[in-house]
N, C-alpha and C. Protein backbone atom coordinates (compact mmCIF):
# COMPACT_ATOMS: atom_id res chain seq x y z
N MET A 1 14.69 -21.57 -102.36
CA MET A 1 14.43 -21.24 -100.97
C MET A 1 15.17 -22.21 -100.04
N ARG A 2 15.38 -23.42 -100.48
CA ARG A 2 16.10 -24.40 -99.66
C ARG A 2 17.54 -23.95 -99.44
N ASN A 3 18.15 -23.33 -100.44
CA ASN A 3 19.53 -22.88 -100.31
C ASN A 3 19.71 -21.87 -99.19
N ILE A 4 18.75 -20.97 -99.07
CA ILE A 4 18.87 -19.94 -98.04
C ILE A 4 18.73 -20.55 -96.64
N TRP A 5 17.88 -21.57 -96.48
CA TRP A 5 17.75 -22.24 -95.19
C TRP A 5 19.04 -22.94 -94.79
N VAL A 6 19.70 -23.55 -95.77
CA VAL A 6 20.96 -24.24 -95.48
C VAL A 6 22.01 -23.24 -95.03
N LEU A 7 22.13 -22.12 -95.73
CA LEU A 7 23.12 -21.10 -95.34
C LEU A 7 22.78 -20.47 -93.99
N ALA A 8 21.52 -20.17 -93.77
CA ALA A 8 21.12 -19.56 -92.49
C ALA A 8 21.40 -20.50 -91.33
N LYS A 9 21.09 -21.77 -91.51
CA LYS A 9 21.34 -22.75 -90.45
C LYS A 9 22.83 -22.87 -90.16
N LYS A 10 23.65 -22.89 -91.19
CA LYS A 10 25.11 -22.98 -91.03
C LYS A 10 25.64 -21.78 -90.26
N GLU A 11 25.18 -20.59 -90.63
CA GLU A 11 25.66 -19.38 -89.98
C GLU A 11 25.23 -19.32 -88.51
N ILE A 12 24.02 -19.68 -88.24
CA ILE A 12 23.53 -19.62 -86.85
C ILE A 12 24.25 -20.66 -85.99
N GLU A 13 24.44 -21.85 -86.52
CA GLU A 13 25.15 -22.87 -85.76
C GLU A 13 26.59 -22.46 -85.50
N SER A 14 27.26 -21.92 -86.51
CA SER A 14 28.66 -21.52 -86.31
C SER A 14 28.76 -20.33 -85.36
N TYR A 15 27.74 -19.50 -85.34
CA TYR A 15 27.79 -18.33 -84.48
C TYR A 15 27.61 -18.70 -83.01
N PHE A 16 26.71 -19.61 -82.73
CA PHE A 16 26.44 -19.96 -81.33
C PHE A 16 27.40 -21.00 -80.77
N VAL A 17 28.40 -21.38 -81.54
CA VAL A 17 29.47 -22.22 -81.00
C VAL A 17 30.41 -21.38 -80.15
N SER A 18 30.58 -20.13 -80.54
CA SER A 18 31.53 -19.26 -79.83
C SER A 18 30.86 -18.56 -78.65
N PHE A 19 31.69 -17.97 -77.83
CA PHE A 19 31.23 -17.27 -76.63
C PHE A 19 30.69 -15.88 -76.94
N VAL A 20 31.07 -15.32 -78.09
CA VAL A 20 30.69 -13.96 -78.46
C VAL A 20 29.18 -13.81 -78.57
N ALA A 21 28.52 -14.78 -79.15
CA ALA A 21 27.07 -14.69 -79.32
C ALA A 21 26.36 -14.60 -77.98
N TYR A 22 26.83 -15.35 -77.03
CA TYR A 22 26.20 -15.32 -75.72
C TYR A 22 26.45 -14.01 -74.99
N VAL A 23 27.61 -13.43 -75.17
CA VAL A 23 27.91 -12.13 -74.54
C VAL A 23 27.02 -11.05 -75.15
N ILE A 24 26.91 -11.02 -76.47
CA ILE A 24 26.06 -10.02 -77.13
C ILE A 24 24.60 -10.21 -76.74
N LEU A 25 24.15 -11.45 -76.72
CA LEU A 25 22.77 -11.73 -76.32
C LEU A 25 22.52 -11.34 -74.87
N PHE A 26 23.50 -11.57 -74.01
CA PHE A 26 23.38 -11.19 -72.60
C PHE A 26 23.21 -9.68 -72.46
N PHE A 27 24.06 -8.91 -73.16
CA PHE A 27 23.95 -7.45 -73.06
C PHE A 27 22.65 -6.93 -73.66
N PHE A 28 22.21 -7.53 -74.75
CA PHE A 28 20.95 -7.13 -75.36
C PHE A 28 19.78 -7.36 -74.38
N LEU A 29 19.74 -8.53 -73.78
CA LEU A 29 18.66 -8.84 -72.84
C LEU A 29 18.79 -8.04 -71.54
N LEU A 30 20.01 -7.80 -71.10
CA LEU A 30 20.21 -7.01 -69.89
C LEU A 30 19.72 -5.58 -70.09
N LEU A 31 20.12 -4.95 -71.18
CA LEU A 31 19.65 -3.59 -71.46
C LEU A 31 18.15 -3.54 -71.66
N GLY A 32 17.63 -4.51 -72.40
CA GLY A 32 16.19 -4.55 -72.63
C GLY A 32 15.40 -4.74 -71.34
N GLY A 33 15.85 -5.63 -70.49
CA GLY A 33 15.17 -5.86 -69.22
C GLY A 33 15.25 -4.66 -68.30
N TYR A 34 16.42 -4.03 -68.25
CA TYR A 34 16.58 -2.86 -67.39
C TYR A 34 15.67 -1.72 -67.84
N TYR A 35 15.69 -1.42 -69.12
CA TYR A 35 14.87 -0.30 -69.59
C TYR A 35 13.38 -0.61 -69.54
N PHE A 36 13.01 -1.85 -69.72
CA PHE A 36 11.61 -2.20 -69.56
C PHE A 36 11.18 -2.02 -68.12
N TYR A 37 12.02 -2.44 -67.18
CA TYR A 37 11.71 -2.25 -65.77
C TYR A 37 11.60 -0.77 -65.42
N VAL A 38 12.54 0.03 -65.91
CA VAL A 38 12.52 1.47 -65.63
C VAL A 38 11.29 2.12 -66.23
N TYR A 39 10.97 1.79 -67.47
CA TYR A 39 9.79 2.37 -68.10
C TYR A 39 8.52 1.97 -67.36
N VAL A 40 8.39 0.70 -67.01
CA VAL A 40 7.17 0.26 -66.32
C VAL A 40 7.12 0.85 -64.91
N TYR A 41 8.25 0.95 -64.24
CA TYR A 41 8.27 1.50 -62.90
C TYR A 41 7.90 2.98 -62.91
N GLU A 42 8.38 3.72 -63.89
CA GLU A 42 8.10 5.15 -63.97
C GLU A 42 6.67 5.42 -64.43
N VAL A 43 6.22 4.75 -65.47
CA VAL A 43 4.94 5.07 -66.09
C VAL A 43 3.81 4.23 -65.52
N ARG A 44 4.07 2.98 -65.20
CA ARG A 44 3.08 2.04 -64.67
C ARG A 44 1.93 1.76 -65.64
N ASP A 45 2.19 1.95 -66.91
CA ASP A 45 1.19 1.64 -67.93
C ASP A 45 1.95 1.08 -69.13
N ALA A 46 1.97 -0.25 -69.23
CA ALA A 46 2.78 -0.90 -70.25
C ALA A 46 2.32 -0.56 -71.67
N ALA A 47 1.03 -0.34 -71.85
CA ALA A 47 0.52 -0.03 -73.19
C ALA A 47 1.05 1.32 -73.69
N ARG A 48 1.23 2.26 -72.78
CA ARG A 48 1.74 3.58 -73.18
C ARG A 48 3.23 3.58 -73.47
N ILE A 49 3.98 2.74 -72.78
CA ILE A 49 5.44 2.78 -72.95
C ILE A 49 5.94 1.83 -74.03
N MET A 50 5.10 0.92 -74.52
CA MET A 50 5.58 -0.07 -75.48
C MET A 50 6.19 0.55 -76.74
N PRO A 51 5.60 1.57 -77.34
CA PRO A 51 6.26 2.15 -78.52
C PRO A 51 7.66 2.69 -78.21
N TYR A 52 7.84 3.31 -77.05
CA TYR A 52 9.15 3.83 -76.67
C TYR A 52 10.14 2.69 -76.42
N PHE A 53 9.66 1.66 -75.75
CA PHE A 53 10.52 0.51 -75.46
C PHE A 53 10.94 -0.20 -76.75
N LEU A 54 10.01 -0.43 -77.65
CA LEU A 54 10.35 -1.10 -78.91
C LEU A 54 11.26 -0.24 -79.76
N ASN A 55 11.09 1.07 -79.70
CA ASN A 55 11.99 1.97 -80.40
C ASN A 55 13.41 1.86 -79.83
N PHE A 56 13.51 1.82 -78.52
CA PHE A 56 14.80 1.67 -77.88
C PHE A 56 15.45 0.34 -78.22
N MET A 57 14.68 -0.75 -78.22
CA MET A 57 15.24 -2.06 -78.54
C MET A 57 15.68 -2.12 -80.00
N GLY A 58 14.96 -1.45 -80.88
CA GLY A 58 15.40 -1.37 -82.27
C GLY A 58 16.72 -0.64 -82.39
N PHE A 59 16.88 0.41 -81.62
CA PHE A 59 18.14 1.16 -81.62
C PHE A 59 19.29 0.31 -81.08
N ILE A 60 19.05 -0.44 -80.02
CA ILE A 60 20.08 -1.32 -79.47
C ILE A 60 20.42 -2.41 -80.48
N SER A 61 19.44 -2.94 -81.17
CA SER A 61 19.70 -3.94 -82.21
C SER A 61 20.55 -3.34 -83.32
N PHE A 62 20.26 -2.09 -83.66
CA PHE A 62 21.03 -1.39 -84.68
C PHE A 62 22.49 -1.24 -84.26
N LEU A 63 22.72 -1.00 -82.97
CA LEU A 63 24.09 -0.85 -82.48
C LEU A 63 24.82 -2.18 -82.37
N LEU A 64 24.12 -3.27 -82.04
CA LEU A 64 24.77 -4.56 -81.86
C LEU A 64 24.96 -5.33 -83.16
N THR A 65 24.26 -4.97 -84.22
CA THR A 65 24.38 -5.68 -85.49
C THR A 65 25.80 -5.67 -86.05
N PRO A 66 26.53 -4.57 -86.01
CA PRO A 66 27.91 -4.63 -86.52
C PRO A 66 28.81 -5.62 -85.78
N PHE A 67 28.59 -5.82 -84.49
CA PHE A 67 29.39 -6.79 -83.76
C PHE A 67 29.17 -8.20 -84.31
N ILE A 68 27.93 -8.50 -84.65
CA ILE A 68 27.61 -9.81 -85.18
C ILE A 68 28.16 -9.98 -86.59
N THR A 69 27.94 -9.00 -87.44
CA THR A 69 28.36 -9.14 -88.83
C THR A 69 29.87 -9.06 -89.00
N MET A 70 30.55 -8.25 -88.21
CA MET A 70 32.01 -8.17 -88.32
C MET A 70 32.64 -9.52 -88.01
N ARG A 71 32.14 -10.18 -86.99
CA ARG A 71 32.68 -11.48 -86.64
C ARG A 71 32.41 -12.49 -87.74
N LEU A 72 31.22 -12.49 -88.30
CA LEU A 72 30.90 -13.45 -89.35
C LEU A 72 31.73 -13.22 -90.59
N PHE A 73 31.92 -11.97 -90.99
CA PHE A 73 32.74 -11.69 -92.16
C PHE A 73 34.20 -12.09 -91.94
N SER A 74 34.74 -11.78 -90.76
CA SER A 74 36.13 -12.13 -90.50
C SER A 74 36.31 -13.65 -90.44
N GLU A 75 35.34 -14.35 -89.90
CA GLU A 75 35.41 -15.81 -89.84
C GLU A 75 35.36 -16.41 -91.24
N GLU A 76 34.51 -15.87 -92.11
CA GLU A 76 34.44 -16.35 -93.48
C GLU A 76 35.75 -16.10 -94.22
N LYS A 77 36.35 -14.95 -94.01
CA LYS A 77 37.64 -14.65 -94.67
C LYS A 77 38.75 -15.54 -94.14
N LYS A 78 38.74 -15.78 -92.82
CA LYS A 78 39.78 -16.61 -92.22
C LYS A 78 39.72 -18.05 -92.73
N LEU A 79 38.50 -18.57 -92.86
CA LEU A 79 38.33 -19.94 -93.34
C LEU A 79 38.45 -20.06 -94.85
N GLY A 80 38.40 -18.93 -95.55
CA GLY A 80 38.49 -18.97 -97.00
C GLY A 80 37.19 -19.34 -97.68
N THR A 81 36.08 -19.22 -96.96
CA THR A 81 34.79 -19.59 -97.54
C THR A 81 33.98 -18.38 -97.99
N ILE A 82 34.57 -17.19 -97.92
CA ILE A 82 33.83 -15.99 -98.34
C ILE A 82 33.54 -16.05 -99.84
N GLU A 83 34.47 -16.61 -100.61
CA GLU A 83 34.23 -16.72 -102.05
C GLU A 83 33.06 -17.66 -102.33
N LEU A 84 33.00 -18.74 -101.57
CA LEU A 84 31.89 -19.68 -101.74
C LEU A 84 30.56 -19.02 -101.38
N LEU A 85 30.57 -18.23 -100.33
CA LEU A 85 29.35 -17.54 -99.91
C LEU A 85 28.92 -16.49 -100.93
N LEU A 86 29.90 -15.75 -101.45
CA LEU A 86 29.58 -14.68 -102.41
C LEU A 86 29.16 -15.23 -103.76
N THR A 87 29.60 -16.43 -104.11
CA THR A 87 29.24 -17.01 -105.41
C THR A 87 28.17 -18.08 -105.29
N SER A 88 27.51 -18.16 -104.15
CA SER A 88 26.45 -19.17 -103.97
C SER A 88 25.27 -18.85 -104.87
N PRO A 89 24.47 -19.86 -105.21
CA PRO A 89 23.37 -19.64 -106.15
C PRO A 89 22.15 -18.96 -105.53
N ILE A 90 22.38 -18.02 -104.64
CA ILE A 90 21.30 -17.29 -103.99
C ILE A 90 21.39 -15.84 -104.44
N SER A 91 20.33 -15.34 -105.01
CA SER A 91 20.33 -13.95 -105.46
C SER A 91 19.82 -13.04 -104.33
N GLU A 92 19.98 -11.75 -104.53
CA GLU A 92 19.49 -10.80 -103.53
C GLU A 92 17.98 -10.89 -103.38
N SER A 93 17.30 -11.16 -104.48
CA SER A 93 15.83 -11.25 -104.41
C SER A 93 15.41 -12.47 -103.58
N ASP A 94 16.18 -13.56 -103.62
CA ASP A 94 15.87 -14.71 -102.76
C ASP A 94 15.99 -14.34 -101.29
N ILE A 95 17.01 -13.57 -100.97
CA ILE A 95 17.21 -13.17 -99.58
C ILE A 95 16.10 -12.23 -99.13
N VAL A 96 15.72 -11.28 -99.98
CA VAL A 96 14.65 -10.35 -99.62
C VAL A 96 13.33 -11.09 -99.50
N ASN A 97 13.05 -11.98 -100.42
CA ASN A 97 11.80 -12.74 -100.36
C ASN A 97 11.77 -13.68 -99.17
N PHE A 98 12.94 -14.15 -98.73
CA PHE A 98 12.99 -15.02 -97.56
C PHE A 98 12.63 -14.25 -96.29
N TRP A 99 13.15 -13.03 -96.14
CA TRP A 99 12.93 -12.26 -94.92
C TRP A 99 11.65 -11.43 -94.95
N GLU A 100 11.01 -11.33 -96.10
CA GLU A 100 9.83 -10.46 -96.22
C GLU A 100 8.70 -10.82 -95.25
N PRO A 101 8.37 -12.11 -95.04
CA PRO A 101 7.28 -12.39 -94.08
C PRO A 101 7.60 -12.01 -92.66
N TYR A 102 8.89 -11.84 -92.32
CA TYR A 102 9.27 -11.52 -90.96
C TYR A 102 9.37 -10.03 -90.70
N CYS A 103 9.20 -9.21 -91.72
CA CYS A 103 9.25 -7.77 -91.55
C CYS A 103 7.87 -7.25 -91.16
N PHE A 104 7.84 -6.36 -90.21
CA PHE A 104 6.57 -5.83 -89.72
C PHE A 104 6.32 -4.41 -90.16
N ILE A 105 7.19 -3.87 -90.98
CA ILE A 105 7.04 -2.47 -91.39
C ILE A 105 6.21 -2.39 -92.65
């Protein structure tokens, strides 16, 4: 489990060094804030609109995920560390078990 924390920390630190992460985060929060305002303004009942809003934010996350992963994969290939990442002593089950407590489905 320690290995996955080291890799996750490295990836997050390297990602937030660049300007791309902030642009993607800005658009995610801008769209989320706008649609939350529109939903609350139209319906005026936050409890009723929350499922729709969370569904929309999940869809936006689904659309923005390729932007994040494409950059990370290209950066790994450019630096020549993709082989190190692919041959690291972390199995798929370690990754799934690491993220399992954070899944709400």
